[in-house]
């Protein structure tokens, strides 16, 4: 059974990049994530809701970046496809930085916005 593309999303901090092999390693993922000539990277607001990355987001050309501009510790949200060889390839990839506690009211340290949303639901029963 394949991965449902509507639910195929990778989110996390980049821990390592190998541009020659076209591989990214993402925190809390044991397997490498691959990119290819069809992978598009865009720099933007990483707090963009996950649902917006699931669907065909229209990024502007001035947001488009080269993979060489992606750094360790950058945060990514990306749709992906898993091929028959078991490799995971990124599709459209949003790249940004962690939000600092100054950027998000009530934040303690650097936490993904989606994690804050889940915490809010857990504590309050609603977002």
PDB file of N, CA and C in Angstrom:
ATOM      1  N   UNK A   1       0.847  -1.181   0.000  1.00  0.00           N
ATOM      2  CA  UNK A   1       0.000   0.000   0.000  1.00  0.00           C
ATOM      3  C   UNK A   1       0.889   1.240   0.000  1.00  0.00           C
ATOM      4  N   UNK A   2       0.559   2.211  -0.833  1.00  0.00           N
ATOM      5  CA  UNK A   2       1.345   3.431  -0.927  1.00  0.00           C
ATOM      6  C   UNK A   2       0.894   4.471   0.077  1.00  0.00           C
ATOM      7  N   UNK A   3       1.598   5.566   0.105  1.00  0.00           N
ATOM      8  CA  UNK A   3       1.276   6.670   1.000  1.00  0.00           C
ATOM      9  C   UNK A   3       0.245   7.549   0.316  1.00  0.00           C
ATOM     10  N   UNK A   4      -0.836   7.882   1.008  1.00  0.00           N
ATOM     11  CA  UNK A   4      -1.845   8.779   0.462  1.00  0.00           C
ATOM     12  C   UNK A   4      -1.226  10.160   0.320  1.00  0.00           C
ATOM     13  N   UNK A   5      -1.137  10.684  -0.923  1.00  0.00           N
ATOM     14  CA  UNK A   5      -0.448  11.969  -1.120  1.00  0.00           C
ATOM     15  C   UNK A   5      -1.099  13.128  -0.386  1.00  0.00           C
ATOM     16  N   UNK A   6      -2.391  13.011  -0.038  1.00  0.00           N
ATOM     17  CA  UNK A   6      -3.042  14.085   0.705  1.00  0.00           C
ATOM     18  C   UNK A   6      -2.528  14.164   2.134  1.00  0.00           C
ATOM     19  N   UNK A   7      -1.954  13.072   2.624  1.00  0.00           N
ATOM     20  CA  UNK A   7      -1.483  13.031   4.004  1.00  0.00           C
ATOM     21  C   UNK A   7       0.020  12.856   4.109  1.00  0.00           C
ATOM     22  N   UNK A   8       0.705  12.919   3.001  1.00  0.00           N
ATOM     23  CA  UNK A   8       2.147  12.676   2.978  1.00  0.00           C
ATOM     24  C   UNK A   8       2.881  13.995   3.202  1.00  0.00           C
ATOM     25  N   UNK A   9       3.252  14.250   4.442  1.00  0.00           N
ATOM     26  CA  UNK A   9       3.917  15.503   4.782  1.00  0.00           C
ATOM     27  C   UNK A   9       5.056  15.228   5.743  1.00  0.00           C
ATOM     28  N   UNK A  10       6.171  15.862   5.479  1.00  0.00           N
ATOM     29  CA  UNK A  10       7.317  15.808   6.382  1.00  0.00           C
ATOM     30  C   UNK A  10       7.467  17.192   6.980  1.00  0.00           C
ATOM     31  N   UNK A  11       7.649  17.246   8.293  1.00  0.00           N
ATOM     32  CA  UNK A  11       7.850  18.513   8.983  1.00  0.00           C
ATOM     33  C   UNK A  11       8.946  18.302  10.010  1.00  0.00           C
ATOM     34  N   UNK A  12       9.921  19.192  10.031  1.00  0.00           N
ATOM     35  CA  UNK A  12      10.954  19.084  11.049  1.00  0.00           C
ATOM     36  C   UNK A  12      12.188  19.895  10.740  1.00  0.00           C
ATOM     37  N   UNK A  13      13.145  19.785  11.631  1.00  0.00           N
ATOM     38  CA  UNK A  13      14.404  20.516  11.521  1.00  0.00           C
ATOM     39  C   UNK A  13      15.412  19.690  10.731  1.00  0.00           C
ATOM     40  N   UNK A  14      16.079  20.340   9.796  1.00  0.00           N
ATOM     41  CA  UNK A  14      17.120  19.676   9.017  1.00  0.00           C
ATOM     42  C   UNK A  14      18.348  19.510   9.903  1.00  0.00           C
ATOM     43  N   UNK A  15      18.844  18.275   9.996  1.00  0.00           N
ATOM     44  CA  UNK A  15      20.019  18.007  10.825  1.00  0.00           C
ATOM     45  C   UNK A  15      21.277  17.817   9.993  1.00  0.00           C
ATOM     46  N   UNK A  16      21.106  17.475   8.713  1.00  0.00           N
ATOM     47  CA  UNK A  16      22.260  17.238   7.848  1.00  0.00           C
ATOM     48  C   UNK A  16      21.817  17.334   6.393  1.00  0.00           C
ATOM     49  N   UNK A  17      22.727  17.819   5.541  1.00  0.00           N
ATOM     50  CA  UNK A  17      22.456  17.932   4.106  1.00  0.00           C
ATOM     51  C   UNK A  17      23.661  17.406   3.339  1.00  0.00           C
ATOM     52  N   UNK A  18      23.400  16.602   2.315  1.00  0.00           N
ATOM     53  CA  UNK A  18      24.441  16.173   1.383  1.00  0.00           C
ATOM     54  C   UNK A  18      23.969  16.566  -0.006  1.00  0.00           C
ATOM     55  N   UNK A  19      24.460  17.703  -0.495  1.00  0.00           N
ATOM     56  CA  UNK A  19      24.020  18.213  -1.790  1.00  0.00           C
ATOM     57  C   UNK A  19      24.412  17.292  -2.935  1.00  0.00           C
ATOM     58  N   UNK A  20      25.592  16.675  -2.850  1.00  0.00           N
ATOM     59  CA  UNK A  20      26.051  15.788  -3.922  1.00  0.00           C
ATOM     60  C   UNK A  20      25.157  14.558  -4.065  1.00  0.00           C
ATOM     61  N   UNK A  21      24.747  13.993  -2.938  1.00  0.00           N
ATOM     62  CA  UNK A  21      23.890  12.802  -2.967  1.00  0.00           C
ATOM     63  C   UNK A  21      22.406  13.161  -2.990  1.00  0.00           C
ATOM     64  N   UNK A  22      22.098  14.474  -2.854  1.00  0.00           N
ATOM     65  CA  UNK A  22      20.723  14.982  -2.834  1.00  0.00           C
ATOM     66  C   UNK A  22      19.911  14.354  -1.702  1.00  0.00           C
ATOM     67  N   UNK A  23      20.493  14.450  -0.499  1.00  0.00           N
ATOM     68  CA  UNK A  23      19.868  13.866   0.685  1.00  0.00           C
ATOM     69  C   UNK A  23      19.770  14.910   1.798  1.00  0.00           C
ATOM     70  N   UNK A  24      18.630  14.916   2.486  1.00  0.00           N
ATOM     71  CA  UNK A  24      18.438  15.690   3.714  1.00  0.00           C
ATOM     72  C   UNK A  24      18.145  14.706   4.839  1.00  0.00           C
ATOM     73  N   UNK A  25      18.605  15.021   6.023  1.00  0.00           N
ATOM     74  CA  UNK A  25      18.203  14.278   7.211  1.00  0.00           C
ATOM     75  C   UNK A  25      17.392  15.228   8.071  1.00  0.00           C
ATOM     76  N   UNK A  26      16.260  14.743   8.556  1.00  0.00           N
ATOM     77  CA  UNK A  26      15.335  15.553   9.330  1.00  0.00           C
ATOM     78  C   UNK A  26      15.221  14.962  10.729  1.00  0.00           C
ATOM     79  N   UNK A  27      15.269  15.837  11.734  1.00  0.00           N
ATOM     80  CA  UNK A  27      15.186  15.410  13.137  1.00  0.00           C
ATOM     81  C   UNK A  27      13.960  14.524  13.349  1.00  0.00           C
ATOM     82  N   UNK A  28      14.146  13.466  14.116  1.00  0.00           N
ATOM     83  CA  UNK A  28      13.119  12.483  14.470  1.00  0.00           C
ATOM     84  C   UNK A  28      12.712  11.575  13.314  1.00  0.00           C
ATOM     85  N   UNK A  29      13.505  11.539  12.252  1.00  0.00           N
ATOM     86  CA  UNK A  29      13.276  10.592  11.144  1.00  0.00           C
ATOM     87  C   UNK A  29      14.536   9.761  11.005  1.00  0.00           C
ATOM     88  N   UNK A  30      14.392   8.460  11.012  1.00  0.00           N
ATOM     89  CA  UNK A  30      15.549   7.574  10.896  1.00  0.00           C
ATOM     90  C   UNK A  30      16.055   7.465   9.468  1.00  0.00           C
ATOM     91  N   UNK A  31      15.152   7.603   8.513  1.00  0.00           N
ATOM     92  CA  UNK A  31      15.528   7.414   7.120  1.00  0.00           C
ATOM     93  C   UNK A  31      15.855   8.746   6.450  1.00  0.00           C
ATOM     94  N   UNK A  32      16.733   8.725   5.459  1.00  0.00           N
ATOM     95  CA  UNK A  32      17.050   9.955   4.733  1.00  0.00           C
ATOM     96  C   UNK A  32      15.875  10.374   3.857  1.00  0.00           C
ATOM     97  N   UNK A  33      15.835  11.650   3.536  1.00  0.00           N
ATOM     98  CA  UNK A  33      14.824  12.210   2.650  1.00  0.00           C
ATOM     99  C   UNK A  33      15.567  12.730   1.424  1.00  0.00           C
ATOM    100  N   UNK A  34      15.108  12.354   0.252  1.00  0.00           N
ATOM    101  CA  UNK A  34      15.797  12.715  -0.983  1.00  0.00           C
ATOM    102  C   UNK A  34      15.101  13.880  -1.675  1.00  0.00           C
ATOM    103  N   UNK A  35      15.860  14.603  -2.469  1.00  0.00           N
ATOM    104  CA  UNK A  35      15.285  15.621  -3.339  1.00  0.00           C
ATOM    105  C   UNK A  35      15.862  15.408  -4.727  1.00  0.00           C
ATOM    106  N   UNK A  36      15.181  15.942  -5.737  1.00  0.00           N
ATOM    107  CA  UNK A  36      15.630  15.758  -7.117  1.00  0.00           C
ATOM    108  C   UNK A  36      15.437  17.060  -7.878  1.00  0.00           C
ATOM    109  N   UNK A  37      15.656  17.010  -9.183  1.00  0.00           N
ATOM    110  CA  UNK A  37      15.543  18.219 -10.000  1.00  0.00           C
ATOM    111  C   UNK A  37      14.109  18.746 -10.041  1.00  0.00           C
ATOM    112  N   UNK A  38      13.135  17.935  -9.695  1.00  0.00           N
ATOM    113  CA  UNK A  38      11.740  18.371  -9.691  1.00  0.00           C
ATOM    114  C   UNK A  38      11.307  18.969  -8.355  1.00  0.00           C
ATOM    115  N   UNK A  39      12.110  18.789  -7.312  1.00  0.00           N
ATOM    116  CA  UNK A  39      11.790  19.350  -5.998  1.00  0.00           C
ATOM    117  C   UNK A  39      11.916  20.863  -6.060  1.00  0.00           C
ATOM    118  N   UNK A  40      10.887  21.551  -5.574  1.00  0.00           N
ATOM    119  CA  UNK A  40      10.919  23.009  -5.529  1.00  0.00           C
ATOM    120  C   UNK A  40      11.013  23.455  -4.074  1.00  0.00           C
ATOM    121  N   UNK A  41      11.947  24.366  -3.802  1.00  0.00           N
ATOM    122  CA  UNK A  41      12.147  24.906  -2.463  1.00  0.00           C
ATOM    123  C   UNK A  41      11.687  26.356  -2.439  1.00  0.00           C
ATOM    124  N   UNK A  42      10.926  26.705  -1.403  1.00  0.00           N
ATOM    125  CA  UNK A  42      10.432  28.065  -1.228  1.00  0.00           C
ATOM    126  C   UNK A  42      10.711  28.504   0.197  1.00  0.00           C
ATOM    127  N   UNK A  43      11.123  29.754   0.347  1.00  0.00           N
ATOM    128  CA  UNK A  43      11.354  30.309   1.677  1.00  0.00           C
ATOM    129  C   UNK A  43      10.121  31.097   2.059  1.00  0.00           C
ATOM    130  N   UNK A  44       9.661  30.884   3.281  1.00  0.00           N
ATOM    131  CA  UNK A  44       8.470  31.601   3.698  1.00  0.00           C
ATOM    132  C   UNK A  44       8.171  31.421   5.163  1.00  0.00           C
ATOM    133  N   UNK A  45       6.970  31.829   5.518  1.00  0.00           N
ATOM    134  CA  UNK A  45       6.501  31.783   6.893  1.00  0.00           C
ATOM    135  C   UNK A  45       6.263  30.331   7.283  1.00  0.00           C
ATOM    136  N   UNK A  46       7.111  29.799   8.123  1.00  0.00           N
ATOM    137  CA  UNK A  46       7.035  28.391   8.491  1.00  0.00           C
ATOM    138  C   UNK A  46       5.808  28.106   9.354  1.00  0.00           C
ATOM    139  N   UNK A  47       5.154  29.148   9.850  1.00  0.00           N
ATOM    140  CA  UNK A  47       3.930  28.939  10.624  1.00  0.00           C
ATOM    141  C   UNK A  47       2.725  28.713   9.710  1.00  0.00           C
ATOM    142  N   UNK A  48       2.948  28.689   8.399  1.00  0.00           N
ATOM    143  CA  UNK A  48       1.888  28.390   7.450  1.00  0.00           C
ATOM    144  C   UNK A  48       1.234  27.074   7.860  1.00  0.00           C
ATOM    145  N   UNK A  49      -0.091  27.053   7.994  1.00  0.00           N
ATOM    146  CA  UNK A  49      -0.745  25.820   8.443  1.00  0.00           C
ATOM    147  C   UNK A  49      -0.402  24.632   7.550  1.00  0.00           C
ATOM    148  N   UNK A  50      -0.286  23.477   8.170  1.00  0.00           N
ATOM    149  CA  UNK A  50       0.075  22.269   7.444  1.00  0.00           C
ATOM    150  C   UNK A  50      -0.881  22.031   6.281  1.00  0.00           C
ATOM    151  N   UNK A  51      -2.161  22.319   6.467  1.00  0.00           N
ATOM    152  CA  UNK A  51      -3.140  22.097   5.409  1.00  0.00           C
ATOM    153  C   UNK A  51      -2.781  22.869   4.144  1.00  0.00           C
ATOM    154  N   UNK A  52      -2.166  24.025   4.289  1.00  0.00           N
ATOM    155  CA  UNK A  52      -1.776  24.828   3.131  1.00  0.00           C
ATOM    156  C   UNK A  52      -0.637  24.170   2.363  1.00  0.00           C
ATOM    157  N   UNK A  53       0.190  23.407   3.026  1.00  0.00           N
ATOM    158  CA  UNK A  53       1.283  22.718   2.349  1.00  0.00           C
ATOM    159  C   UNK A  53       0.756  21.443   1.695  1.00  0.00           C
ATOM    160  N   UNK A  54      -0.296  20.830   2.266  1.00  0.00           N
ATOM    161  CA  UNK A  54      -0.901  19.638   1.665  1.00  0.00           C
ATOM    162  C   UNK A  54      -1.423  19.931   0.265  1.00  0.00           C
ATOM    163  N   UNK A  55      -2.057  21.067   0.117  1.00  0.00           N
ATOM    164  CA  UNK A  55      -2.704  21.404  -1.147  1.00  0.00           C
ATOM    165  C   UNK A  55      -1.765  22.238  -2.000  1.00  0.00           C
ATOM    166  N   UNK A  56      -2.137  22.413  -3.235  1.00  0.00           N
ATOM    167  CA  UNK A  56      -1.266  23.130  -4.181  1.00  0.00           C
ATOM    168  C   UNK A  56      -1.139  24.599  -3.783  1.00  0.00           C
ATOM    169  N   UNK A  57      -0.143  24.903  -3.007  1.00  0.00           N
ATOM    170  CA  UNK A  57       0.114  26.269  -2.559  1.00  0.00           C
ATOM    171  C   UNK A  57       0.729  27.044  -3.713  1.00  0.00           C
ATOM    172  N   UNK A  58       0.297  28.264  -3.881  1.00  0.00           N
ATOM    173  CA  UNK A  58       0.869  29.125  -4.917  1.00  0.00           C
ATOM    174  C   UNK A  58       1.897  30.043  -4.260  1.00  0.00           C
ATOM    175  N   UNK A  59       3.154  29.667  -4.354  1.00  0.00           N
ATOM    176  CA  UNK A  59       4.221  30.520  -3.848  1.00  0.00           C
ATOM    177  C   UNK A  59       4.627  31.472  -4.962  1.00  0.00           C
ATOM    178  N   UNK A  60       5.124  32.635  -4.604  1.00  0.00           N
ATOM    179  CA  UNK A  60       5.576  33.587  -5.618  1.00  0.00           C
ATOM    180  C   UNK A  60       7.022  33.275  -6.007  1.00  0.00           C
ATOM    181  N   UNK A  61       7.406  33.733  -7.188  1.00  0.00           N
ATOM    182  CA  UNK A  61       8.764  33.476  -7.683  1.00  0.00           C
ATOM    183  C   UNK A  61       9.833  34.058  -6.771  1.00  0.00           C
ATOM    184  N   UNK A  62       9.524  35.163  -6.075  1.00  0.00           N
ATOM    185  CA  UNK A  62      10.538  35.746  -5.193  1.00  0.00           C
ATOM    186  C   UNK A  62      10.736  34.909  -3.930  1.00  0.00           C
ATOM    187  N   UNK A  63       9.861  33.942  -3.672  1.00  0.00           N
ATOM    188  CA  UNK A  63      10.034  33.034  -2.539  1.00  0.00           C
ATOM    189  C   UNK A  63      10.858  31.809  -2.913  1.00  0.00           C
ATOM    190  N   UNK A  64      11.020  31.559  -4.206  1.00  0.00           N
ATOM    191  CA  UNK A  64      11.734  30.367  -4.656  1.00  0.00           C
ATOM    192  C   UNK A  64      13.219  30.495  -4.329  1.00  0.00           C
ATOM    193  N   UNK A  65      13.785  29.415  -3.781  1.00  0.00           N
ATOM    194  CA  UNK A  65      15.205  29.409  -3.440  1.00  0.00           C
ATOM    195  C   UNK A  65      15.853  28.159  -4.018  1.00  0.00           C
ATOM    196  N   UNK A  66      17.148  28.180  -4.085  1.00  0.00           N
ATOM    197  CA  UNK A  66      17.928  27.041  -4.537  1.00  0.00           C
ATOM    198  C   UNK A  66      18.207  26.153  -3.336  1.00  0.00           C
ATOM    199  N   UNK A  67      18.350  24.861  -3.568  1.00  0.00           N
ATOM    200  CA  UNK A  67      18.644  23.944  -2.462  1.00  0.00           C
ATOM    201  C   UNK A  67      19.943  24.331  -1.756  1.00  0.00           C
ATOM    202  N   UNK A  68      20.859  24.982  -2.456  1.00  0.00           N
ATOM    203  CA  UNK A  68      22.114  25.422  -1.838  1.00  0.00           C
ATOM    204  C   UNK A  68      21.867  26.482  -0.763  1.00  0.00           C
ATOM    205  N   UNK A  69      20.685  27.124  -0.791  1.00  0.00           N
ATOM    206  CA  UNK A  69      20.333  28.130   0.213  1.00  0.00           C
ATOM    207  C   UNK A  69      19.723  27.514   1.473  1.00  0.00           C
ATOM    208  N   UNK A  70      19.457  26.218   1.436  1.00  0.00           N
ATOM    209  CA  UNK A  70      18.881  25.510   2.575  1.00  0.00           C
ATOM    210  C   UNK A  70      20.009  25.135   3.529  1.00  0.00           C
ATOM    211  N   UNK A  71      19.783  25.328   4.826  1.00  0.00           N
ATOM    212  CA  UNK A  71      20.841  25.112   5.821  1.00  0.00           C
ATOM    213  C   UNK A  71      20.410  24.133   6.905  1.00  0.00           C
ATOM    214  N   UNK A  72      21.408  23.540   7.556  1.00  0.00           N
ATOM    215  CA  UNK A  72      21.165  22.758   8.762  1.00  0.00           C
ATOM    216  C   UNK A  72      20.502  23.691   9.770  1.00  0.00           C
ATOM    217  N   UNK A  73      19.543  23.195  10.506  1.00  0.00           N
ATOM    218  CA  UNK A  73      18.723  23.900  11.488  1.00  0.00           C
ATOM    219  C   UNK A  73      17.553  24.639  10.864  1.00  0.00           C
ATOM    220  N   UNK A  74      17.466  24.697   9.524  1.00  0.00           N
ATOM    221  CA  UNK A  74      16.258  25.232   8.905  1.00  0.00           C
ATOM    222  C   UNK A  74      15.125  24.261   9.183  1.00  0.00           C
ATOM    223  N   UNK A  75      13.929  24.776   9.204  1.00  0.00           N
ATOM    224  CA  UNK A  75      12.741  23.966   9.392  1.00  0.00           C
ATOM    225  C   UNK A  75      12.093  23.769   8.032  1.00  0.00           C
ATOM    226  N   UNK A  76      11.621  22.555   7.762  1.00  0.00           N
ATOM    227  CA  UNK A  76      10.924  22.313   6.501  1.00  0.00           C
ATOM    228  C   UNK A  76       9.535  21.750   6.762  1.00  0.00           C
ATOM    229  N   UNK A  77       8.645  22.058   5.848  1.00  0.00           N
ATOM    230  CA  UNK A  77       7.345  21.407   5.726  1.00  0.00           C
ATOM    231  C   UNK A  77       7.254  21.067   4.250  1.00  0.00           C
ATOM    232  N   UNK A  78       7.064  19.805   3.952  1.00  0.00           N
ATOM    233  CA  UNK A  78       7.089  19.403   2.555  1.00  0.00           C
ATOM    234  C   UNK A  78       6.170  18.228   2.283  1.00  0.00           C
ATOM    235  N   UNK A  79       5.500  18.298   1.148  1.00  0.00           N
ATOM    236  CA  UNK A  79       4.824  17.108   0.647  1.00  0.00           C
ATOM    237  C   UNK A  79       5.900  16.179   0.124  1.00  0.00           C
ATOM    238  N   UNK A  80       5.591  14.887   0.071  1.00  0.00           N
ATOM    239  CA  UNK A  80       6.575  13.945  -0.463  1.00  0.00           C
ATOM    240  C   UNK A  80       5.883  12.772  -1.131  1.00  0.00           C
ATOM    241  N   UNK A  81       6.664  12.027  -1.883  1.00  0.00           N
ATOM    242  CA  UNK A  81       6.205  10.786  -2.502  1.00  0.00           C
ATOM    243  C   UNK A  81       7.158   9.686  -2.091  1.00  0.00           C
ATOM    244  N   UNK A  82       6.614   8.502  -1.856  1.00  0.00           N
ATOM    245  CA  UNK A  82       7.447   7.345  -1.540  1.00  0.00           C
ATOM    246  C   UNK A  82       7.419   6.424  -2.755  1.00  0.00           C
ATOM    247  N   UNK A  83       8.592   6.154  -3.305  1.00  0.00           N
ATOM    248  CA  UNK A  83       8.686   5.359  -4.521  1.00  0.00           C
ATOM    249  C   UNK A  83       8.823   3.883  -4.195  1.00  0.00           C
ATOM    250  N   UNK A  84       8.688   3.053  -5.217  1.00  0.00           N
ATOM    251  CA  UNK A  84       8.712   1.599  -5.029  1.00  0.00           C
ATOM    252  C   UNK A  84      10.029   1.109  -4.437  1.00  0.00           C
ATOM    253  N   UNK A  85      11.105   1.882  -4.629  1.00  0.00           N
ATOM    254  CA  UNK A  85      12.391   1.494  -4.038  1.00  0.00           C
ATOM    255  C   UNK A  85      12.470   1.850  -2.555  1.00  0.00           C
ATOM    256  N   UNK A  86      11.382   2.432  -2.024  1.00  0.00           N
ATOM    257  CA  UNK A  86      11.322   2.776  -0.609  1.00  0.00           C
ATOM    258  C   UNK A  86      11.860   4.155  -0.279  1.00  0.00           C
ATOM    259  N   UNK A  87      12.450   4.842  -1.255  1.00  0.00           N
ATOM    260  CA  UNK A  87      13.001   6.176  -1.002  1.00  0.00           C
ATOM    261  C   UNK A  87      11.881   7.216  -0.969  1.00  0.00           C
ATOM    262  N   UNK A  88      12.055   8.181  -0.078  1.00  0.00           N
ATOM    263  CA  UNK A  88      11.112   9.286   0.054  1.00  0.00           C
ATOM    264  C   UNK A  88      11.701  10.503  -0.653  1.00  0.00           C
ATOM    265  N   UNK A  89      10.942  11.065  -1.611  1.00  0.00           N
ATOM    266  CA  UNK A  89      11.381  12.240  -2.355  1.00  0.00           C
ATOM    267  C   UNK A  89      10.483  13.423  -2.034  1.00  0.00           C
ATOM    268  N   UNK A  90      11.108  14.568  -1.760  1.00  0.00           N
ATOM    269  CA  UNK A  90      10.368  15.791  -1.482  1.00  0.00           C
ATOM    270  C   UNK A  90       9.745  16.323  -2.763  1.00  0.00           C
ATOM    271  N   UNK A  91       8.606  16.987  -2.606  1.00  0.00           N
ATOM    272  CA  UNK A  91       7.909  17.617  -3.718  1.00  0.00           C
ATOM    273  C   UNK A  91       8.070  19.128  -3.554  1.00  0.00           C
ATOM    274  N   UNK A  92       7.031  19.805  -3.111  1.00  0.00           N
ATOM    275  CA  UNK A  92       7.103  21.233  -2.808  1.00  0.00           C
ATOM    276  C   UNK A  92       7.537  21.372  -1.359  1.00  0.00           C
ATOM    277  N   UNK A  93       8.594  22.135  -1.121  1.00  0.00           N
ATOM    278  CA  UNK A  93       9.192  22.201   0.211  1.00  0.00           C
ATOM    279  C   UNK A  93       9.246  23.643   0.699  1.00  0.00           C
ATOM    280  N   UNK A  94       8.577  23.922   1.810  1.00  0.00           N
ATOM    281  CA  UNK A  94       8.627  25.228   2.457  1.00  0.00           C
ATOM    282  C   UNK A  94       9.772  25.214   3.454  1.00  0.00           C
ATOM    283  N   UNK A  95      10.628  26.212   3.388  1.00  0.00           N
ATOM    284  CA  UNK A  95      11.819  26.290   4.238  1.00  0.00           C
ATOM    285  C   UNK A  95      11.734  27.556   5.075  1.00  0.00           C
ATOM    286  N   UNK A  96      12.030  27.444   6.360  1.00  0.00           N
ATOM    287  CA  UNK A  96      12.024  28.604   7.237  1.00  0.00           C
ATOM    288  C   UNK A  96      12.861  28.347   8.463  1.00  0.00           C
ATOM    289  N   UNK A  97      12.737  29.210   9.417  1.00  0.00           N
ATOM    290  CA  UNK A  97      13.466  29.111  10.682  1.00  0.00           C
ATOM    291  C   UNK A  97      12.484  28.812  11.792  1.00  0.00           C
ATOM    292  N   UNK A  98      13.025  28.352  12.936  1.00  0.00           N
ATOM    293  CA  UNK A  98      12.193  28.187  14.117  1.00  0.00           C
ATOM    294  C   UNK A  98      11.676  29.537  14.554  1.00  0.00           C
ATOM    295  N   UNK A  99      10.470  29.529  15.110  1.00  0.00           N
ATOM    296  CA  UNK A  99       9.935  30.736  15.712  1.00  0.00           C
ATOM    297  C   UNK A  99      10.530  30.867  17.104  1.00  0.00           C
ATOM    298  N   UNK A 100      11.006  32.044  17.425  1.00  0.00           N
ATOM    299  CA  UNK A 100      11.549  32.249  18.768  1.00  0.00           C
ATOM    300  C   UNK A 100      10.410  32.580  19.713  1.00  0.00           C
ATOM    301  N   UNK A 101      10.692  32.584  20.998  1.00  0.00           N
ATOM    302  CA  UNK A 101       9.660  32.890  21.984  1.00  0.00           C
ATOM    303  C   UNK A 101       9.138  34.310  21.812  1.00  0.00           C
ATOM    304  N   UNK A 102       9.938  35.184  21.235  1.00  0.00           N
ATOM    305  CA  UNK A 102       9.470  36.550  20.982  1.00  0.00           C
ATOM    306  C   UNK A 102       8.486  36.573  19.826  1.00  0.00           C
ATOM    307  N   UNK A 103       8.595  35.601  18.902  1.00  0.00           N
ATOM    308  CA  UNK A 103       7.750  35.584  17.718  1.00  0.00           C
ATOM    309  C   UNK A 103       6.342  35.067  17.995  1.00  0.00           C
ATOM    310  N   UNK A 104       6.190  34.243  19.028  1.00  0.00           N
ATOM    311  CA  UNK A 104       4.899  33.636  19.315  1.00  0.00           C
ATOM    312  C   UNK A 104       4.528  33.944  20.756  1.00  0.00           C
ATOM    313  N   UNK A 105       3.407  34.616  20.947  1.00  0.00           N
ATOM    314  CA  UNK A 105       2.970  34.969  22.298  1.00  0.00           C
ATOM    315  C   UNK A 105       2.737  33.714  23.118  1.00  0.00           C
ATOM    316  N   UNK A 106       3.222  33.722  24.330  1.00  0.00           N
ATOM    317  CA  UNK A 106       3.028  32.595  25.223  1.00  0.00           C
ATOM    318  C   UNK A 106       3.941  31.426  24.949  1.00  0.00           C
ATOM    319  N   UNK A 107       4.904  31.608  24.080  1.00  0.00           N
ATOM    320  CA  UNK A 107       5.795  30.510  23.708  1.00  0.00           C
ATOM    321  C   UNK A 107       6.910  30.365  24.721  1.00  0.00           C
ATOM    322  N   UNK A 108       7.368  29.129  24.898  1.00  0.00           N
ATOM    323  CA  UNK A 108       8.535  28.861  25.733  1.00  0.00           C
ATOM    324  C   UNK A 108       9.563  28.175  24.865  1.00  0.00           C
ATOM    325  N   UNK A 109      10.564  28.902  24.440  1.00  0.00           N
ATOM    326  CA  UNK A 109      11.622  28.307  23.618  1.00  0.00           C
ATOM    327  C   UNK A 109      11.219  28.183  22.169  1.00  0.00           C
ATOM    328  N   UNK A 110      11.851  27.251  21.475  1.00  0.00           N
ATOM    329  CA  UNK A 110      11.593  27.077  20.057  1.00  0.00           C
ATOM    330  C   UNK A 110      10.760  25.824  19.836  1.00  0.00           C
ATOM    331  N   UNK A 111       9.513  26.034  19.482  1.00  0.00           N
ATOM    332  CA  UNK A 111       8.578  24.943  19.261  1.00  0.00           C
ATOM    333  C   UNK A 111       7.898  25.154  17.924  1.00  0.00           C
ATOM    334  N   UNK A 112       7.657  24.078  17.202  1.00  0.00           N
ATOM    335  CA  UNK A 112       6.941  24.183  15.945  1.00  0.00           C
ATOM    336  C   UNK A 112       5.536  24.695  16.212  1.00  0.00           C
ATOM    337  N   UNK A 113       5.029  25.529  15.314  1.00  0.00           N
ATOM    338  CA  UNK A 113       3.699  26.071  15.486  1.00  0.00           C
ATOM    339  C   UNK A 113       2.664  24.955  15.535  1.00  0.00           C
ATOM    340  N   UNK A 114       2.823  23.919  14.724  1.00  0.00           N
ATOM    341  CA  UNK A 114       1.868  22.810  14.743  1.00  0.00           C
ATOM    342  C   UNK A 114       1.884  22.108  16.096  1.00  0.00           C
ATOM    343  N   UNK A 115       3.050  22.049  16.758  1.00  0.00           N
ATOM    344  CA  UNK A 115       3.119  21.461  18.091  1.00  0.00           C
ATOM    345  C   UNK A 115       2.351  22.325  19.081  1.00  0.00           C
ATOM    346  N   UNK A 116       2.411  23.642  18.928  1.00  0.00           N
ATOM    347  CA  UNK A 116       1.672  24.546  19.800  1.00  0.00           C
ATOM    348  C   UNK A 116       0.171  24.329  19.618  1.00  0.00           C
ATOM    349  N   UNK A 117      -0.263  24.114  18.373  1.00  0.00           N
ATOM    350  CA  UNK A 117      -1.661  23.892  18.077  1.00  0.00           C
ATOM    351  C   UNK A 117      -2.144  22.613  18.753  1.00  0.00           C
ATOM    352  N   UNK A 118      -1.385  21.536  18.646  1.00  0.00           N
ATOM    353  CA  UNK A 118      -1.734  20.266  19.281  1.00  0.00           C
ATOM    354  C   UNK A 118      -1.777  20.440  20.794  1.00  0.00           C
ATOM    355  N   UNK A 119      -0.813  21.149  21.365  1.00  0.00           N
ATOM    356  CA  UNK A 119      -0.794  21.395  22.804  1.00  0.00           C
ATOM    357  C   UNK A 119      -2.032  22.181  23.220  1.00  0.00           C
ATOM    358  N   UNK A 120      -2.419  23.167  22.418  1.00  0.00           N
ATOM    359  CA  UNK A 120      -3.593  23.974  22.718  1.00  0.00           C
ATOM    360  C   UNK A 120      -4.855  23.116  22.735  1.00  0.00           C
ATOM    361  N   UNK A 121      -4.982  22.216  21.773  1.00  0.00           N
ATOM    362  CA  UNK A 121      -6.142  21.325  21.725  1.00  0.00           C
ATOM    363  C   UNK A 121      -6.153  20.423  22.950  1.00  0.00           C
ATOM    364  N   UNK A 122      -5.000  19.894  23.291  1.00  0.00           N
ATOM    365  CA  UNK A 122      -4.887  18.985  24.430  1.00  0.00           C
ATOM    366  C   UNK A 122      -5.282  19.682  25.728  1.00  0.00           C
ATOM    367  N   UNK A 123      -4.831  20.919  25.896  1.00  0.00           N
ATOM    368  CA  UNK A 123      -5.088  21.635  27.143  1.00  0.00           C
ATOM    369  C   UNK A 123      -6.480  22.259  27.196  1.00  0.00           C
ATOM    370  N   UNK A 124      -6.959  22.755  26.058  1.00  0.00           N
ATOM    371  CA  UNK A 124      -8.199  23.524  26.047  1.00  0.00           C
ATOM    372  C   UNK A 124      -9.360  22.838  25.341  1.00  0.00           C
ATOM    373  N   UNK A 125      -9.083  21.735  24.678  1.00  0.00           N
ATOM    374  CA  UNK A 125     -10.134  21.056  23.941  1.00  0.00           C
ATOM    375  C   UNK A 125     -10.463  21.707  22.617  1.00  0.00           C
ATOM    376  N   UNK A 126      -9.732  22.732  22.247  1.00  0.00           N
ATOM    377  CA  UNK A 126      -9.944  23.429  20.967  1.00  0.00           C
ATOM    378  C   UNK A 126      -8.689  24.220  20.634  1.00  0.00           C
ATOM    379  N   UNK A 127      -8.526  24.577  19.344  1.00  0.00           N
ATOM    380  CA  UNK A 127      -7.343  25.376  18.966  1.00  0.00           C
ATOM    381  C   UNK A 127      -7.456  26.804  19.444  1.00  0.00           C
TER     382      UNK A 127
END
